[in-house]
N, C-alpha and C. Protein backbone atom coordinates (compact mmCIF):
# COMPACT_ATOMS: atom_id res chain seq x y z
N MET A 1 -31.70 -17.25 -7.87
CA MET A 1 -30.60 -15.87 -7.16
C MET A 1 -29.56 -16.44 -6.44
N LYS A 2 -28.76 -15.80 -6.73
CA LYS A 2 -27.60 -16.39 -5.78
C LYS A 2 -26.92 -14.71 -4.86
N ALA A 3 -26.72 -14.95 -3.96
CA ALA A 3 -26.68 -13.68 -2.97
C ALA A 3 -25.28 -14.19 -2.07
N PHE A 4 -24.79 -13.08 -1.52
CA PHE A 4 -23.34 -12.84 -1.11
C PHE A 4 -23.47 -11.78 0.21
N GLN A 5 -22.83 -11.79 0.98
CA GLN A 5 -22.47 -11.14 1.81
C GLN A 5 -21.01 -10.60 1.88
N VAL A 6 -20.55 -9.52 1.81
CA VAL A 6 -19.07 -9.34 1.65
C VAL A 6 -18.74 -8.16 2.61
N TYR A 7 -17.48 -8.38 3.66
CA TYR A 7 -17.10 -7.47 4.33
C TYR A 7 -15.82 -7.14 3.88
N TYR A 8 -15.75 -5.42 3.54
CA TYR A 8 -14.18 -5.36 3.52
C TYR A 8 -13.78 -4.00 4.60
N GLU A 9 -12.31 -4.35 4.57
CA GLU A 9 -11.45 -3.73 5.63
C GLU A 9 -10.36 -2.98 4.97
N GLY A 10 -10.11 -2.11 6.07
CA GLY A 10 -9.15 -1.40 5.12
C GLY A 10 -9.10 0.21 5.77
N ARG A 11 -8.81 1.24 4.67
CA ARG A 11 -9.25 2.49 4.53
C ARG A 11 -10.78 2.33 3.86
N VAL A 12 -11.90 2.14 4.75
CA VAL A 12 -12.65 2.08 3.25
C VAL A 12 -14.06 2.72 3.91
N GLN A 13 -14.21 3.44 5.01
CA GLN A 13 -14.67 4.92 5.30
C GLN A 13 -14.23 6.35 5.55
N GLY A 14 -15.04 6.78 4.87
CA GLY A 14 -14.42 8.20 4.75
C GLY A 14 -14.17 8.57 3.68
N VAL A 15 -13.93 7.73 2.49
CA VAL A 15 -13.43 7.62 1.18
C VAL A 15 -14.06 7.64 -0.13
N GLY A 16 -15.46 7.86 0.44
CA GLY A 16 -16.37 7.57 -0.76
C GLY A 16 -16.75 5.95 -0.99
N PHE A 17 -16.44 5.43 -0.52
CA PHE A 17 -16.35 3.98 -0.78
C PHE A 17 -18.05 3.27 -1.06
N ARG A 18 -19.13 3.84 -0.50
CA ARG A 18 -20.47 3.07 -0.69
C ARG A 18 -20.85 4.11 -1.74
N TRP A 19 -20.49 4.99 -2.03
CA TRP A 19 -20.95 5.88 -3.29
C TRP A 19 -20.61 5.21 -4.53
N THR A 20 -19.13 5.11 -4.40
CA THR A 20 -18.60 4.63 -5.77
C THR A 20 -19.09 3.04 -5.84
N VAL A 21 -19.16 1.87 -5.14
CA VAL A 21 -20.06 0.90 -5.35
C VAL A 21 -21.19 1.06 -5.82
N LYS A 22 -21.70 1.65 -5.86
CA LYS A 22 -23.49 2.20 -5.83
C LYS A 22 -23.10 2.55 -7.49
N ASP A 23 -22.22 3.41 -7.74
CA ASP A 23 -22.25 3.91 -8.86
C ASP A 23 -21.49 2.38 -9.76
N ILE A 24 -20.65 1.59 -9.39
CA ILE A 24 -20.37 0.44 -10.08
C ILE A 24 -21.29 -0.26 -10.37
N ALA A 25 -22.41 -0.32 -9.71
CA ALA A 25 -23.49 -1.44 -9.42
C ALA A 25 -24.04 -1.03 -10.15
N ARG A 26 -24.48 0.28 -11.13
CA ARG A 26 -25.40 0.48 -12.18
C ARG A 26 -24.39 -0.36 -13.14
N GLU A 27 -23.46 -0.53 -13.45
CA GLU A 27 -22.98 -1.58 -14.59
C GLU A 27 -23.32 -2.92 -14.68
N TYR A 28 -24.10 -3.36 -13.99
CA TYR A 28 -23.77 -4.80 -13.56
C TYR A 28 -25.69 -4.77 -13.61
N ASP A 29 -26.07 -6.42 -13.48
CA ASP A 29 -27.35 -6.51 -13.04
C ASP A 29 -27.60 -7.51 -11.85
N VAL A 30 -27.30 -6.51 -10.70
CA VAL A 30 -27.12 -6.77 -9.62
C VAL A 30 -27.76 -5.81 -8.54
N CYS A 31 -28.59 -6.52 -7.43
CA CYS A 31 -29.14 -5.68 -6.32
C CYS A 31 -28.90 -5.90 -4.86
N GLY A 32 -28.89 -5.23 -4.31
CA GLY A 32 -28.18 -5.00 -3.15
C GLY A 32 -28.25 -3.88 -1.89
N TRP A 33 -27.31 -3.74 -0.99
CA TRP A 33 -27.22 -2.53 -0.45
C TRP A 33 -25.58 -2.84 0.08
N ILE A 34 -25.27 -1.29 0.61
CA ILE A 34 -24.11 -1.23 1.34
C ILE A 34 -24.26 -0.42 2.35
N CYS A 35 -23.09 -0.76 3.33
CA CYS A 35 -23.61 0.36 4.74
C CYS A 35 -22.05 0.23 5.12
N ASN A 36 -21.79 1.43 6.11
CA ASN A 36 -20.81 1.33 7.08
C ASN A 36 -20.80 1.00 8.80
N LEU A 37 -19.87 -0.50 8.98
CA LEU A 37 -19.93 -0.69 10.11
C LEU A 37 -19.61 0.31 11.26
N GLU A 38 -19.56 -0.22 12.55
CA GLU A 38 -19.24 1.05 13.32
C GLU A 38 -17.68 0.56 13.80
N ASP A 39 -17.49 -0.96 13.65
CA ASP A 39 -16.06 -1.75 13.89
C ASP A 39 -14.94 -1.08 12.78
N GLY A 40 -15.51 -0.09 11.32
CA GLY A 40 -14.44 0.39 10.30
C GLY A 40 -14.93 -0.37 9.46
N ARG A 41 -15.47 -1.55 9.46
CA ARG A 41 -15.82 -2.26 8.00
C ARG A 41 -16.56 -1.59 7.04
N VAL A 42 -16.71 -1.94 6.03
CA VAL A 42 -17.90 -2.00 4.79
C VAL A 42 -18.81 -3.35 5.11
N GLU A 43 -20.10 -3.39 5.18
CA GLU A 43 -20.56 -4.70 4.45
C GLU A 43 -21.61 -4.51 3.19
N LEU A 44 -21.43 -5.32 2.27
CA LEU A 44 -21.79 -5.44 1.12
C LEU A 44 -23.14 -6.64 0.78
N GLN A 45 -24.01 -6.76 0.99
CA GLN A 45 -25.17 -7.38 0.54
C GLN A 45 -25.08 -7.30 -0.74
N VAL A 46 -25.41 -8.52 -1.73
CA VAL A 46 -25.73 -8.22 -2.97
C VAL A 46 -26.08 -9.44 -3.43
N SER A 47 -26.98 -9.50 -4.78
CA SER A 47 -27.60 -10.72 -5.34
C SER A 47 -27.88 -10.53 -6.69
N ALA A 48 -27.87 -11.49 -7.95
CA ALA A 48 -27.71 -11.61 -9.04
C ALA A 48 -28.36 -12.98 -9.55
N GLU A 49 -28.82 -12.99 -10.64
CA GLU A 49 -29.04 -14.16 -11.58
C GLU A 49 -28.11 -15.14 -11.27
N ASN A 50 -26.73 -14.98 -10.84
CA ASN A 50 -25.95 -16.39 -11.25
C ASN A 50 -24.48 -15.74 -10.79
N ASP A 51 -23.66 -16.37 -10.08
CA ASP A 51 -22.55 -16.34 -9.38
C ASP A 51 -21.64 -15.04 -10.47
N ALA A 52 -21.67 -15.40 -11.74
CA ALA A 52 -20.76 -14.83 -12.57
C ALA A 52 -20.85 -13.35 -12.89
N GLU A 53 -22.46 -12.67 -12.67
CA GLU A 53 -22.77 -11.52 -12.34
C GLU A 53 -21.81 -10.54 -11.24
N ILE A 54 -22.23 -11.92 -10.48
CA ILE A 54 -21.58 -11.55 -8.92
C ILE A 54 -20.19 -11.07 -9.14
N ASP A 55 -19.59 -12.48 -9.47
CA ASP A 55 -18.16 -12.41 -9.59
C ASP A 55 -17.48 -11.05 -10.38
N ALA A 56 -18.16 -10.80 -11.54
CA ALA A 56 -17.50 -9.46 -12.30
C ALA A 56 -17.87 -8.02 -11.95
N PHE A 57 -19.03 -8.10 -10.56
CA PHE A 57 -19.29 -6.58 -10.31
C PHE A 57 -18.45 -6.42 -8.85
N LEU A 58 -17.86 -7.79 -8.38
CA LEU A 58 -16.82 -7.76 -7.01
C LEU A 58 -15.52 -7.62 -7.62
N THR A 59 -15.10 -8.02 -8.75
CA THR A 59 -13.94 -7.81 -9.17
C THR A 59 -13.70 -5.97 -9.81
N ALA A 60 -14.91 -5.78 -10.39
CA ALA A 60 -14.90 -4.46 -10.89
C ALA A 60 -14.66 -3.55 -9.38
N ILE A 61 -14.83 -3.70 -8.60
CA ILE A 61 -14.93 -2.96 -6.94
C ILE A 61 -13.29 -3.02 -6.83
N ARG A 62 -12.65 -4.28 -6.94
CA ARG A 62 -11.52 -4.83 -6.43
C ARG A 62 -10.17 -3.59 -7.74
N ARG A 63 -10.52 -3.57 -9.04
CA ARG A 63 -10.14 -3.02 -9.93
C ARG A 63 -10.43 -1.34 -9.85
N SER A 64 -11.41 -0.40 -9.20
CA SER A 64 -11.47 0.66 -8.98
C SER A 64 -10.67 1.38 -8.31
N VAL A 65 -11.00 2.61 -8.69
CA VAL A 65 -9.97 3.70 -7.44
C VAL A 65 -10.22 3.31 -6.13
N LEU A 66 -11.21 2.16 -5.86
CA LEU A 66 -10.85 1.83 -4.50
C LEU A 66 -9.95 0.90 -4.15
N ALA A 67 -9.33 0.38 -5.09
CA ALA A 67 -7.94 -1.27 -4.83
C ALA A 67 -7.24 -0.29 -3.80
N GLY A 68 -6.82 0.44 -3.74
CA GLY A 68 -5.63 0.65 -2.89
C GLY A 68 -6.13 0.83 -1.29
N ASN A 69 -7.47 1.43 -0.80
CA ASN A 69 -8.28 1.43 -0.08
C ASN A 69 -8.54 0.01 0.77
N ILE A 70 -8.50 -1.20 0.11
CA ILE A 70 -9.31 -2.39 0.37
C ILE A 70 -8.02 -3.51 1.10
N ARG A 71 -7.83 -3.73 2.06
CA ARG A 71 -6.97 -4.34 2.52
C ARG A 71 -7.33 -5.76 2.78
N LYS A 72 -8.63 -5.92 3.05
CA LYS A 72 -9.31 -7.43 3.09
C LYS A 72 -10.64 -7.75 2.40
N GLU A 73 -11.27 -8.59 1.96
CA GLU A 73 -12.56 -8.83 1.24
C GLU A 73 -12.91 -10.10 2.01
N THR A 74 -14.12 -10.11 2.51
CA THR A 74 -14.41 -11.88 2.88
C THR A 74 -15.90 -11.56 2.40
N LYS A 75 -16.10 -12.93 1.73
CA LYS A 75 -17.32 -13.14 0.91
C LYS A 75 -17.80 -14.14 1.53
N HIS A 76 -19.29 -14.62 2.08
CA HIS A 76 -19.84 -15.52 2.44
C HIS A 76 -21.02 -15.48 2.01
N PRO A 77 -21.67 -16.78 1.39
CA PRO A 77 -22.77 -16.68 0.47
C PRO A 77 -24.01 -16.20 1.36
N LEU A 78 -24.81 -16.19 1.10
CA LEU A 78 -26.48 -15.99 2.33
C LEU A 78 -27.49 -16.69 1.20
N PRO A 79 -28.16 -17.39 2.09
CA PRO A 79 -29.20 -18.10 1.69
C PRO A 79 -30.77 -17.58 1.15
N ASN A 80 -31.08 -17.66 0.01
CA ASN A 80 -32.60 -17.29 -0.21
C ASN A 80 -32.31 -15.49 -0.20
N GLN A 81 -31.73 -15.12 -0.54
CA GLN A 81 -31.42 -13.44 -0.36
C GLN A 81 -32.19 -13.05 -1.45
N THR A 82 -32.92 -12.05 -1.76
CA THR A 82 -33.61 -11.35 -2.99
C THR A 82 -33.68 -9.72 -2.55
N PHE A 83 -33.05 -8.91 -2.91
CA PHE A 83 -33.17 -7.61 -2.81
C PHE A 83 -33.64 -6.87 -3.97
N GLN A 84 -34.50 -5.55 -4.05
CA GLN A 84 -34.88 -4.79 -4.91
C GLN A 84 -33.96 -3.68 -5.39
N GLY A 85 -33.06 -3.06 -6.35
CA GLY A 85 -32.15 -2.01 -6.89
C GLY A 85 -31.29 -2.15 -5.93
N PHE A 86 -30.72 -1.15 -5.39
CA PHE A 86 -29.14 -1.11 -5.07
C PHE A 86 -29.23 0.30 -4.26
N GLU A 87 -28.85 0.27 -2.77
CA GLU A 87 -28.99 1.41 -1.77
C GLU A 87 -27.86 1.54 -1.19
N ILE A 88 -27.48 2.45 -0.40
CA ILE A 88 -26.62 2.67 0.54
C ILE A 88 -27.54 2.72 1.84
N ARG A 89 -27.08 2.29 2.61
CA ARG A 89 -27.94 2.22 3.82
C ARG A 89 -27.07 2.75 5.28
N PHE A 90 -27.74 3.80 6.06
CA PHE A 90 -26.87 4.67 6.68
C PHE A 90 -27.29 4.04 8.23
């Protein structure tokens, strides 16, 4: 399994960002979670069998209705992370 932590900056809270990402996740073979951070960013942790599936998922987020809200995306690999399903964390 491959896993990544992604931080999104911009106008990413209060615009349905987490719910839209959860809907997009249904179209891909990915697991993980997404949550708002106190500093105004959104954190995504995602895992999949391969990098290509994760890259396709992240590209779909960038090309979605959220595109205009994302100012910056920062991606970091996570060691040995496995998730079940995809959820919004509060």
